[in-house]
Amino acid sequence: MIKQKLRNVYVLFLIFACPFLNAQLTDLARLEYSFIPKNKSEDQYTRLRVLVNYPIETKNKSYLILGAEYNRVILNLEDNYPFDTAGLNVIHIIDLNIGYTFKWNESWRVGAKFNPRIASTLTKSLVSDDYFMNGGLYFINDRTKDESLKRPYRLILGLTYNATTGIPFPLPFVSYYREISEKWSFNAGVPKSNLKYTFNEKNNLQAFVGLDGYMAHLQEPSIVNGKNVDHISLSVAIGGFGYEYCFTKHFVAYVYTGYTFRLNNVLRNENRKEVYKLSDVNTFYLRTGLKFKI
C-alpha cells in the first residue's frame, strides 16, 4: 500500500519559502483555511488551500511524486486607500509539484523537487511575470524507526531555490526532529519549529513558531504615490499553539492559533522594491483544516 511504501519519502513535500511556508512533510492531501485580520481595521486576509500529492514507485525504494496545490488568497481591503484596490481582491497561487527520491545508502536518502508556480491576480491572460520557479535538493537521515536508539531523530539538510524571495542563489535548509520522551518531541528548523506533547493516540498539543507569506504579480498594475505597482507580497512570523485530533493514524484535523511578531504586507514595483506598505501592525492568526498524511 502507498502509505506503507512511503514512510521515508517525506523529503519531497518540503517547501522552503513556498507561498505560505507551512506545508507539512508527509501530506498526501490537505484542505485548509487561514485568517489574519488587520489590527484596528476592517481589512482582513483569508486563504483557502487545497493540496494533493501522489507517489509512484519507479524501482526498489525510489519514487516519483507528482502533485498540485492551489491557494486562493482573498484580500478584503475596506480601509480608505489613496488608490483603487479592486485589482487586489483575489490572488491565485497554483503550484505543480514534481519530485524524485532514492535511497543513497543505509543511512541517507536523497530527494529533489521541481516546483513551477503561477502566482497572479489572473484578471487577464497569463504573461511571463505570472510564472515563478522553485526547487530544492535534500539529504535525509531518518532514525525515527530505529528501536536501538533511546531518542530517535531525523535530520534533513538541503539547498533550496525560490524565485519569489528575490535572492538569486540557493539557500540552505536544515530541519532536525527528535523524540525527547514517550510524550515529548521537538522539531527545530525553517519554516516551522515546534515543541509537541502527545496526550494519546488521538490528541496532541504543540507550541510553535513559523513563517508564512506569498508574493504574486498584479496583472492590472496601478500608480501609487507616483510609482508603478506590479507585485504584492505578505510575509509574517508567527508564534502560538496548535492542536491536532487524529480520527485515524493518517486522517487528522488541526487548528493553529497565535499572534504575529513580524508582519509586512507590501505593494512592490517591477523590481520588487517596496512602494506602499498596506500593513505592518501585528495581529491575530488562525489556521485550521483537514489532512491525510503518510
Protein backbone atom coordinates (compact mmCIF):
# COMPACT_ATOMS: atom_id res chain seq x y z
CA MET A 1 0.00 0.00 0.00
CA ILE A 2 1.11 3.61 -0.69
CA LYS A 3 1.19 4.67 2.96
CA GLN A 4 3.39 1.68 3.85
CA LYS A 5 5.81 2.25 0.97
CA LEU A 6 6.31 5.94 1.67
CA ARG A 7 7.14 6.26 5.33
CA ASN A 8 10.55 7.64 4.43
CA VAL A 9 9.61 9.69 1.35
CA TYR A 10 8.65 12.89 3.21
CA VAL A 11 11.50 14.89 1.68
CA LEU A 12 9.57 15.70 -1.48
CA PHE A 13 6.96 17.63 0.43
CA LEU A 14 9.48 20.03 1.93
CA ILE A 15 8.74 23.62 0.95
CA PHE A 16 11.07 26.45 1.89
CA ALA A 17 9.76 29.97 1.17
CA CYS A 18 6.73 28.48 -0.51
CA PRO A 19 3.55 30.55 -0.78
CA PHE A 20 2.70 30.01 2.86
CA LEU A 21 5.79 28.34 4.24
CA ASN A 22 3.94 25.90 6.49
CA ALA A 23 3.47 22.73 4.44
CA GLN A 24 3.84 19.51 6.35
CA LEU A 25 6.47 16.95 5.39
CA THR A 26 4.19 13.93 4.91
CA ASP A 27 0.93 15.22 3.42
CA LEU A 28 -0.78 13.36 0.60
CA ALA A 29 -3.85 15.63 0.73
CA ARG A 30 -4.83 18.77 2.63
CA LEU A 31 -7.78 21.18 2.85
CA GLU A 32 -7.03 24.34 4.84
CA TYR A 33 -8.42 27.74 5.85
CA SER A 34 -6.33 30.65 7.20
CA PHE A 35 -7.38 34.04 8.55
CA ILE A 36 -5.43 37.18 9.53
CA PRO A 37 -7.42 40.34 10.40
CA LYS A 38 -5.73 43.72 10.22
CA ASN A 39 -5.32 45.16 13.71
CA LYS A 40 -7.69 48.10 14.44
CA SER A 41 -9.01 47.96 10.88
CA GLU A 42 -11.75 46.46 8.71
CA ASP A 43 -9.15 44.85 6.45
CA GLN A 44 -8.54 41.10 6.59
CA TYR A 45 -6.63 38.36 4.80
CA THR A 46 -8.21 34.96 4.10
CA ARG A 47 -6.64 31.97 2.37
CA LEU A 48 -8.17 28.73 1.10
CA ARG A 49 -5.74 25.95 0.25
CA VAL A 50 -6.04 22.54 -1.43
CA LEU A 51 -3.07 20.18 -1.86
CA VAL A 52 -2.71 16.71 -3.39
CA ASN A 53 0.45 14.59 -3.84
CA TYR A 54 0.61 11.15 -5.46
CA PRO A 55 3.67 8.85 -5.25
CA ILE A 56 4.69 6.37 -7.96
CA GLU A 57 7.29 3.69 -7.27
CA THR A 58 9.83 3.58 -10.12
CA LYS A 59 12.13 0.93 -8.69
CA ASN A 60 13.18 -0.51 -5.34
CA LYS A 61 12.83 2.26 -2.73
CA SER A 62 12.83 5.00 -5.40
CA TYR A 63 9.77 7.15 -6.04
CA LEU A 64 8.45 9.79 -8.39
CA ILE A 65 5.99 12.14 -6.69
CA LEU A 66 3.50 14.19 -8.72
CA GLY A 67 1.25 16.74 -7.11
CA ALA A 68 -0.52 20.06 -7.28
CA GLU A 69 -1.52 22.81 -4.89
CA TYR A 70 -3.99 25.66 -5.22
CA ASN A 71 -4.19 28.71 -2.93
CA ARG A 72 -6.90 31.35 -3.20
CA VAL A 73 -5.96 34.47 -1.26
CA ILE A 74 -8.79 36.90 -0.56
CA LEU A 75 -7.84 40.43 0.50
CA ASN A 76 -10.76 42.35 1.95
CA LEU A 77 -9.33 45.88 1.89
CA GLU A 78 -12.08 48.00 3.45
CA ASP A 79 -9.97 50.92 4.71
CA ASN A 80 -9.57 54.12 2.71
CA TYR A 81 -6.51 53.90 0.44
CA PRO A 82 -5.13 56.56 -1.95
CA PHE A 83 -5.63 54.19 -4.91
CA ASP A 84 -8.14 51.69 -6.33
CA THR A 85 -7.93 48.32 -4.53
CA ALA A 86 -10.31 46.45 -6.86
CA GLY A 87 -7.43 44.66 -8.59
CA LEU A 88 -6.14 43.28 -5.28
CA ASN A 89 -9.24 41.40 -4.15
CA VAL A 90 -8.24 37.87 -5.15
CA ILE A 91 -4.81 36.32 -5.71
CA HIS A 92 -4.35 32.84 -7.19
CA ILE A 93 -1.30 30.68 -6.48
CA ILE A 94 -1.02 27.42 -8.42
CA ASP A 95 1.85 25.00 -7.89
CA LEU A 96 2.87 21.89 -9.80
CA ASN A 97 4.97 19.55 -7.63
CA ILE A 98 7.41 17.16 -9.31
CA GLY A 99 9.81 15.23 -7.08
CA TYR A 100 12.08 12.22 -7.04
CA THR A 101 13.72 10.38 -4.16
CA PHE A 102 16.05 7.40 -3.86
CA LYS A 103 17.98 5.52 -1.19
CA TRP A 104 21.64 6.70 -1.28
CA ASN A 105 22.94 4.27 1.33
CA GLU A 106 21.75 2.60 4.52
CA SER A 107 21.75 5.89 6.43
CA TRP A 108 20.82 8.57 3.89
CA ARG A 109 18.08 9.22 1.37
CA VAL A 110 18.35 11.87 -1.37
CA GLY A 111 15.41 13.84 -2.74
CA ALA A 112 14.97 16.57 -5.34
CA LYS A 113 11.94 18.58 -6.34
CA PHE A 114 10.95 20.93 -9.14
CA ASN A 115 8.14 23.35 -8.36
CA PRO A 116 6.87 25.63 -11.18
CA ARG A 117 4.30 28.17 -9.96
CA ILE A 118 1.72 30.65 -11.19
CA ALA A 119 1.14 33.49 -8.71
CA SER A 120 -1.10 36.21 -10.06
CA THR A 121 -4.40 38.06 -9.85
CA LEU A 122 -5.36 36.27 -13.12
CA THR A 123 -7.60 39.08 -14.36
CA LYS A 124 -6.11 38.77 -17.86
CA SER A 125 -4.23 36.21 -19.95
CA LEU A 126 -1.04 34.82 -18.43
CA VAL A 127 2.22 36.70 -19.02
CA SER A 128 5.83 35.86 -18.13
CA ASP A 129 5.70 37.79 -14.83
CA ASP A 130 2.99 35.43 -13.57
CA TYR A 131 5.41 32.47 -13.58
CA PHE A 132 7.89 31.60 -10.81
CA MET A 133 10.31 28.70 -10.49
CA ASN A 134 11.24 26.91 -7.25
CA GLY A 135 13.12 23.77 -6.38
CA GLY A 136 15.38 22.00 -3.92
CA LEU A 137 17.85 19.21 -3.21
CA TYR A 138 17.68 17.38 0.15
CA PHE A 139 19.61 14.76 2.14
CA ILE A 140 17.72 12.89 4.87
CA ASN A 141 18.97 10.76 7.71
CA ASP A 142 15.88 9.21 9.31
CA ARG A 143 16.35 7.25 12.55
CA THR A 144 12.80 7.70 13.88
CA LYS A 145 12.04 3.96 13.50
CA ASP A 146 15.35 2.78 14.97
CA GLU A 147 14.38 0.85 18.10
CA SER A 148 18.02 0.70 19.23
CA LEU A 149 18.02 4.46 19.89
CA LYS A 150 16.79 5.84 23.17
CA ARG A 151 15.87 9.12 21.48
CA PRO A 152 15.05 8.62 17.76
CA TYR A 153 15.71 11.54 15.43
CA ARG A 154 15.50 12.78 11.83
CA LEU A 155 17.97 15.21 10.21
CA ILE A 156 17.33 16.93 6.86
CA LEU A 157 19.96 19.04 5.10
CA GLY A 158 19.48 20.73 1.76
CA LEU A 159 19.62 23.64 -0.63
CA THR A 160 16.51 25.41 -1.95
CA TYR A 161 15.87 28.00 -4.63
CA ASN A 162 12.78 30.18 -4.70
CA ALA A 163 12.16 32.87 -7.32
CA THR A 164 9.78 34.84 -5.08
CA THR A 165 12.42 35.62 -2.45
CA GLY A 166 14.39 37.90 -4.77
CA ILE A 167 17.65 36.15 -3.80
CA PRO A 168 19.40 34.88 -6.97
CA PHE A 169 21.14 31.86 -5.40
CA PRO A 170 20.20 28.72 -3.42
CA LEU A 171 19.57 28.98 0.32
CA PRO A 172 20.48 26.33 2.92
CA PHE A 173 17.77 24.23 4.54
CA VAL A 174 18.10 22.46 7.91
CA SER A 175 15.47 20.57 9.89
CA TYR A 176 16.07 18.46 12.99
CA TYR A 177 13.41 16.33 14.72
CA ARG A 178 13.97 14.43 17.95
CA GLU A 179 11.87 12.48 20.43
CA ILE A 180 12.64 13.61 23.98
CA SER A 181 10.45 11.01 25.68
CA GLU A 182 7.35 8.95 25.00
CA LYS A 183 5.20 12.08 25.30
CA TRP A 184 7.51 14.92 24.22
CA SER A 185 9.22 15.71 20.89
CA PHE A 186 10.54 18.77 19.07
CA ASN A 187 11.39 19.95 15.58
CA ALA A 188 13.91 22.75 15.01
CA GLY A 189 14.15 24.36 11.59
CA VAL A 190 12.56 26.54 8.92
CA PRO A 191 9.75 27.22 8.05
CA LYS A 192 8.44 25.84 11.34
CA SER A 193 9.78 24.80 14.74
CA ASN A 194 7.68 23.26 17.46
CA LEU A 195 7.60 21.51 20.81
CA LYS A 196 4.90 18.83 20.90
CA TYR A 197 3.18 16.98 23.73
CA THR A 198 1.23 13.83 22.83
CA PHE A 199 -1.63 13.04 25.22
CA ASN A 200 -2.63 9.79 23.49
CA GLU A 201 -3.13 8.32 20.01
CA LYS A 202 -5.92 10.81 19.27
CA ASN A 203 -4.73 14.12 20.74
CA ASN A 204 -1.59 16.25 20.76
CA LEU A 205 -0.78 19.86 21.61
CA GLN A 206 2.19 21.94 20.46
CA ALA A 207 3.81 25.33 20.84
CA PHE A 208 5.20 26.62 17.55
CA VAL A 209 6.94 29.44 15.73
CA GLY A 210 6.80 29.66 11.96
CA LEU A 211 6.85 31.67 8.76
CA ASP A 212 4.02 32.37 6.34
CA GLY A 213 3.56 34.53 3.26
CA TYR A 214 3.34 34.89 -0.50
CA MET A 215 4.35 37.03 -3.48
CA ALA A 216 2.28 37.50 -6.63
CA HIS A 217 2.13 39.52 -9.84
CA LEU A 218 -0.60 42.14 -10.34
CA GLN A 219 -1.92 41.83 -13.90
CA GLU A 220 -3.56 45.24 -13.62
CA PRO A 221 -0.74 47.45 -12.27
CA SER A 222 -1.60 50.80 -10.73
CA ILE A 223 0.11 54.05 -9.80
CA VAL A 224 0.70 54.62 -6.08
CA ASN A 225 2.47 57.74 -4.85
CA GLY A 226 3.57 58.39 -8.43
CA LYS A 227 5.20 54.95 -8.78
CA ASN A 228 4.16 51.85 -10.71
CA VAL A 229 2.99 48.89 -8.62
CA ASP A 230 3.41 45.43 -10.20
CA HIS A 231 3.65 42.94 -7.29
CA ILE A 232 2.17 42.31 -3.85
CA SER A 233 3.79 40.36 -1.03
CA LEU A 234 2.95 39.27 2.50
CA SER A 235 5.49 37.94 4.99
CA VAL A 236 4.71 37.06 8.59
CA ALA A 237 6.47 35.41 11.51
CA ILE A 238 4.05 33.72 13.90
CA GLY A 239 4.10 32.20 17.35
CA GLY A 240 1.31 30.30 19.07
CA PHE A 241 -0.26 26.96 19.92
CA GLY A 242 -1.66 24.14 17.83
CA TYR A 243 -3.98 21.22 18.50
CA GLU A 244 -4.39 18.08 16.41
CA TYR A 245 -7.10 15.42 16.61
CA CYS A 246 -6.40 12.13 14.85
CA PHE A 247 -9.55 10.42 13.55
CA THR A 248 -7.21 7.66 12.38
CA LYS A 249 -3.42 7.33 12.19
CA HIS A 250 -3.46 9.05 8.79
CA PHE A 251 -6.52 11.35 8.86
CA VAL A 252 -6.10 14.44 11.07
CA ALA A 253 -8.00 17.64 11.94
CA TYR A 254 -5.97 20.58 13.25
CA VAL A 255 -6.18 24.17 14.42
CA TYR A 256 -3.30 26.62 14.99
CA THR A 257 -3.81 29.98 16.60
CA GLY A 258 -1.38 32.66 17.68
CA TYR A 259 -0.08 36.16 17.13
CA THR A 260 2.27 37.61 14.54
CA PHE A 261 5.51 39.13 15.85
CA ARG A 262 6.51 40.31 12.38
CA LEU A 263 4.05 41.26 9.63
CA ASN A 264 4.82 43.03 6.35
CA ASN A 265 2.15 43.39 3.63
CA VAL A 266 3.60 45.44 0.78
CA LEU A 267 2.94 46.64 -2.76
CA ARG A 268 6.10 46.49 -4.92
CA ASN A 269 7.33 47.70 -8.30
CA GLU A 270 8.58 45.52 -11.18
CA ASN A 271 11.98 45.24 -9.46
CA ARG A 272 10.22 44.15 -6.25
CA LYS A 273 11.19 47.30 -4.40
CA GLU A 274 8.73 48.50 -1.76
CA VAL A 275 6.31 51.19 -2.95
CA TYR A 276 3.46 51.15 -0.42
CA LYS A 277 3.01 49.31 2.89
CA LEU A 278 -0.54 48.00 3.34
CA SER A 279 0.12 46.84 6.88
CA ASP A 280 2.92 46.19 9.35
CA VAL A 281 0.92 46.04 12.62
CA ASN A 282 0.98 42.67 14.38
CA THR A 283 -2.30 40.86 14.87
CA PHE A 284 -4.17 37.58 15.50
CA TYR A 285 -3.59 34.47 13.33
CA LEU A 286 -5.77 31.39 12.74
CA ARG A 287 -5.20 28.31 10.57
CA THR A 288 -7.38 25.18 10.55
CA GLY A 289 -8.03 22.25 8.28
CA LEU A 290 -8.00 18.53 7.49
CA LYS A 291 -5.10 16.46 6.16
CA PHE A 292 -4.39 12.93 5.02
CA LYS A 293 -0.77 12.02 5.79
CA ILE A 294 1.60 9.08 5.44
